Amino acid sequence: MSERFAFAPDLLAGQTALVTGGGTGLGKEIALVLAAAGADVWLAARRRDVLEAAAAELRAATGRRIEVATVNIRERDAVEALAGEVTRRGDRIDVLINNAGGQFPVRARDLKAKGWHAVV
């Protein structure tokens, strides 16, 4: 694994990371690097099946503890519940990667307030 990752395997030892949008794409890759650097990782996204598959892959690749949480980040109550679940399970969030979001194929100047809130 050391040939694949630039960070020391104990750089984030004892820390917990939360990655939104962590089930696929860039979020999953970020989670992989964090776990390879020694962090335990929470993956959060809307689809449980995708999260479970990503978690299994990350556990196999890194041997780290990978937790999953189904959450829609557009819902404030769901985000607060996620934070509560993390702390109830005895973790604290040391590293937060706000990766989840949506995209709209419009020019920035044409993005409406509703679209802005959905993305940001």
C-alpha atoms as a PDB file:
ATOM      1  CA  MET A   1       0.000   0.000   0.000  1.00  0.00           C
ATOM      2  CA  SER A   2       2.879   2.419   0.674  1.00  0.00           C
ATOM      3  CA  GLU A   3       3.676   2.624  -3.035  1.00  0.00           C
ATOM      4  CA  ARG A   4       0.164   3.820  -3.806  1.00  0.00           C
ATOM      5  CA  PHE A   5      -0.249   6.474  -1.105  1.00  0.00           C
ATOM      6  CA  ALA A   6       1.949   9.471  -0.416  1.00  0.00           C
ATOM      7  CA  PHE A   7       1.019   9.860   3.272  1.00  0.00           C
ATOM      8  CA  ALA A   8       2.471   7.949   6.208  1.00  0.00           C
ATOM      9  CA  PRO A   9       0.122   5.122   7.259  1.00  0.00           C
ATOM     10  CA  ASP A  10      -0.134   6.556  10.793  1.00  0.00           C
ATOM     11  CA  LEU A  11      -0.522  10.239   9.874  1.00  0.00           C
ATOM     12  CA  LEU A  12      -4.190  10.277  10.950  1.00  0.00           C
ATOM     13  CA  ALA A  13      -4.056   7.480  13.535  1.00  0.00           C
ATOM     14  CA  GLY A  14      -6.627   7.963  16.263  1.00  0.00           C
ATOM     15  CA  GLN A  15      -8.679  10.379  14.181  1.00  0.00           C
ATOM     16  CA  THR A  16     -12.096  10.021  12.632  1.00  0.00           C
ATOM     17  CA  ALA A  17     -13.052  11.457   9.256  1.00  0.00           C
ATOM     18  CA  LEU A  18     -16.529  12.039   7.859  1.00  0.00           C
ATOM     19  CA  VAL A  19     -16.841  12.156   4.066  1.00  0.00           C
ATOM     20  CA  THR A  20     -20.150  13.218   2.552  1.00  0.00           C
ATOM     21  CA  GLY A  21     -20.729  11.840  -0.901  1.00  0.00           C
ATOM     22  CA  GLY A  22     -18.316   9.121   0.165  1.00  0.00           C
ATOM     23  CA  GLY A  23     -19.914   6.215  -1.642  1.00  0.00           C
ATOM     24  CA  THR A  24     -18.614   6.965  -5.124  1.00  0.00           C
ATOM     25  CA  GLY A  25     -16.192   8.980  -7.178  1.00  0.00           C
ATOM     26  CA  LEU A  26     -14.016  11.628  -5.600  1.00  0.00           C
ATOM     27  CA  GLY A  27     -15.566  11.171  -2.151  1.00  0.00           C
ATOM     28  CA  LYS A  28     -14.744   7.477  -2.117  1.00  0.00           C
ATOM     29  CA  GLU A  29     -11.174   8.154  -3.246  1.00  0.00           C
ATOM     30  CA  ILE A  30     -10.720  10.818  -0.562  1.00  0.00           C
ATOM     31  CA  ALA A  31     -12.045   8.352   2.022  1.00  0.00           C
ATOM     32  CA  LEU A  32      -9.594   5.731   0.776  1.00  0.00           C
ATOM     33  CA  VAL A  33      -6.640   8.093   1.221  1.00  0.00           C
ATOM     34  CA  LEU A  34      -7.815   9.134   4.698  1.00  0.00           C
ATOM     35  CA  ALA A  35      -8.186   5.496   5.753  1.00  0.00           C
ATOM     36  CA  ALA A  36      -4.812   4.605   4.261  1.00  0.00           C
ATOM     37  CA  ALA A  37      -3.344   7.402   6.394  1.00  0.00           C
ATOM     38  CA  GLY A  38      -4.767   5.743   9.519  1.00  0.00           C
ATOM     39  CA  ALA A  39      -8.141   7.430  10.042  1.00  0.00           C
ATOM     40  CA  ASP A  40     -11.348   5.633  10.818  1.00  0.00           C
ATOM     41  CA  VAL A  41     -13.893   6.875   8.288  1.00  0.00           C
ATOM     42  CA  TRP A  42     -17.611   7.542   8.184  1.00  0.00           C
ATOM     43  CA  LEU A  43     -19.073   7.499   4.680  1.00  0.00           C
ATOM     44  CA  ALA A  44     -22.315   9.435   4.241  1.00  0.00           C
ATOM     45  CA  ALA A  45     -24.564   9.484   1.189  1.00  0.00           C
ATOM     46  CA  ARG A  46     -28.162   8.857   0.140  1.00  0.00           C
ATOM     47  CA  ARG A  47     -27.880   5.253  -1.101  1.00  0.00           C
ATOM     48  CA  ARG A  48     -27.136   2.573   1.460  1.00  0.00           C
ATOM     49  CA  ASP A  49     -26.252  -0.093  -1.124  1.00  0.00           C
ATOM     50  CA  VAL A  50     -23.575   2.148  -2.641  1.00  0.00           C
ATOM     51  CA  LEU A  51     -22.234   3.026   0.820  1.00  0.00           C
ATOM     52  CA  GLU A  52     -22.010  -0.617   1.901  1.00  0.00           C
ATOM     53  CA  ALA A  53     -20.137  -1.576  -1.269  1.00  0.00           C
ATOM     54  CA  ALA A  54     -17.695   1.308  -0.855  1.00  0.00           C
ATOM     55  CA  ALA A  55     -17.172   0.520   2.829  1.00  0.00           C
ATOM     56  CA  ALA A  56     -16.381  -3.120   2.071  1.00  0.00           C
ATOM     57  CA  GLU A  57     -13.876  -2.054  -0.569  1.00  0.00           C
ATOM     58  CA  LEU A  58     -12.188   0.452   1.760  1.00  0.00           C
ATOM     59  CA  ARG A  59     -12.043  -2.015   4.662  1.00  0.00           C
ATOM     60  CA  ALA A  60     -10.405  -4.608   2.415  1.00  0.00           C
ATOM     61  CA  ALA A  61      -7.889  -2.106   1.062  1.00  0.00           C
ATOM     62  CA  THR A  62      -6.924  -0.478   4.364  1.00  0.00           C
ATOM     63  CA  GLY A  63      -8.024  -2.617   7.297  1.00  0.00           C
ATOM     64  CA  ARG A  64      -9.535   0.499   8.903  1.00  0.00           C
ATOM     65  CA  ARG A  65     -12.924   0.853  10.571  1.00  0.00           C
ATOM     66  CA  ILE A  66     -15.336   2.232   7.994  1.00  0.00           C
ATOM     67  CA  GLU A  67     -18.866   3.192   9.088  1.00  0.00           C
ATOM     68  CA  VAL A  68     -21.752   4.193   6.847  1.00  0.00           C
ATOM     69  CA  ALA A  69     -24.675   6.543   7.305  1.00  0.00           C
ATOM     70  CA  THR A  70     -27.527   7.126   4.926  1.00  0.00           C
ATOM     71  CA  VAL A  71     -28.225  10.848   4.870  1.00  0.00           C
ATOM     72  CA  ASN A  72     -29.522  13.515   2.526  1.00  0.00           C
ATOM     73  CA  ILE A  73     -27.363  16.567   3.208  1.00  0.00           C
ATOM     74  CA  ARG A  74     -30.142  18.837   1.933  1.00  0.00           C
ATOM     75  CA  GLU A  75     -32.091  18.003   5.107  1.00  0.00           C
ATOM     76  CA  ARG A  76     -30.724  19.849   8.149  1.00  0.00           C
ATOM     77  CA  ASP A  77     -32.377  17.458  10.617  1.00  0.00           C
ATOM     78  CA  ALA A  78     -30.745  14.490   8.875  1.00  0.00           C
ATOM     79  CA  VAL A  79     -27.316  16.132   9.074  1.00  0.00           C
ATOM     80  CA  GLU A  80     -27.792  16.898  12.773  1.00  0.00           C
ATOM     81  CA  ALA A  81     -28.914  13.297  13.356  1.00  0.00           C
ATOM     82  CA  LEU A  82     -25.759  12.063  11.625  1.00  0.00           C
ATOM     83  CA  ALA A  83     -23.553  14.199  13.876  1.00  0.00           C
ATOM     84  CA  GLY A  84     -25.435  12.828  16.881  1.00  0.00           C
ATOM     85  CA  GLU A  85     -25.003   9.240  15.690  1.00  0.00           C
ATOM     86  CA  VAL A  86     -21.261   9.722  15.241  1.00  0.00           C
ATOM     87  CA  THR A  87     -20.870  11.033  18.801  1.00  0.00           C
ATOM     88  CA  ARG A  88     -23.222   8.402  20.262  1.00  0.00           C
ATOM     89  CA  ARG A  89     -20.985   5.749  18.734  1.00  0.00           C
ATOM     90  CA  GLY A  90     -18.034   7.229  20.624  1.00  0.00           C
ATOM     91  CA  ASP A  91     -16.401   9.085  17.743  1.00  0.00           C
ATOM     92  CA  ARG A  92     -15.656  12.732  17.183  1.00  0.00           C
ATOM     93  CA  ILE A  93     -15.237  14.298  13.776  1.00  0.00           C
ATOM     94  CA  ASP A  94     -11.604  15.328  13.396  1.00  0.00           C
ATOM     95  CA  VAL A  95     -11.667  15.636   9.602  1.00  0.00           C
ATOM     96  CA  LEU A  96     -14.738  16.745   7.666  1.00  0.00           C
ATOM     97  CA  ILE A  97     -14.883  16.471   3.888  1.00  0.00           C
ATOM     98  CA  ASN A  98     -17.983  18.198   2.505  1.00  0.00           C
ATOM     99  CA  ASN A  99     -17.924  16.467  -0.852  1.00  0.00           C
ATOM    100  CA  ALA A 100     -21.614  15.749  -1.521  1.00  0.00           C
ATOM    101  CA  GLY A 101     -23.517  18.090  -3.736  1.00  0.00           C
ATOM    102  CA  GLY A 102     -25.422  18.463  -6.919  1.00  0.00           C
ATOM    103  CA  GLN A 103     -24.631  20.102 -10.168  1.00  0.00           C
ATOM    104  CA  PHE A 104     -26.799  22.068 -12.549  1.00  0.00           C
ATOM    105  CA  PRO A 105     -25.769  22.580 -16.167  1.00  0.00           C
ATOM    106  CA  VAL A 106     -26.186  26.370 -16.106  1.00  0.00           C
ATOM    107  CA  ARG A 107     -23.856  29.339 -16.033  1.00  0.00           C
ATOM    108  CA  ALA A 108     -23.101  30.579 -12.525  1.00  0.00           C
ATOM    109  CA  ARG A 109     -24.909  33.868 -13.165  1.00  0.00           C
ATOM    110  CA  ASP A 110     -28.052  31.937 -14.130  1.00  0.00           C
ATOM    111  CA  LEU A 111     -28.125  29.682 -11.065  1.00  0.00           C
ATOM    112  CA  LYS A 112     -31.257  30.376  -9.015  1.00  0.00           C
ATOM    113  CA  ALA A 113     -31.289  30.542  -5.206  1.00  0.00           C
ATOM    114  CA  LYS A 114     -32.886  27.075  -4.940  1.00  0.00           C
ATOM    115  CA  GLY A 115     -30.114  25.590  -7.090  1.00  0.00           C
ATOM    116  CA  TRP A 116     -27.457  27.426  -5.072  1.00  0.00           C
ATOM    117  CA  HIS A 117     -28.779  25.961  -1.812  1.00  0.00           C
ATOM    118  CA  ALA A 118     -28.937  22.485  -3.329  1.00  0.00           C
ATOM    119  CA  VAL A 119     -25.302  22.672  -4.448  1.00  0.00           C
ATOM    120  CA  VAL A 120     -23.774  24.554  -1.545  1.00  0.00           C
END
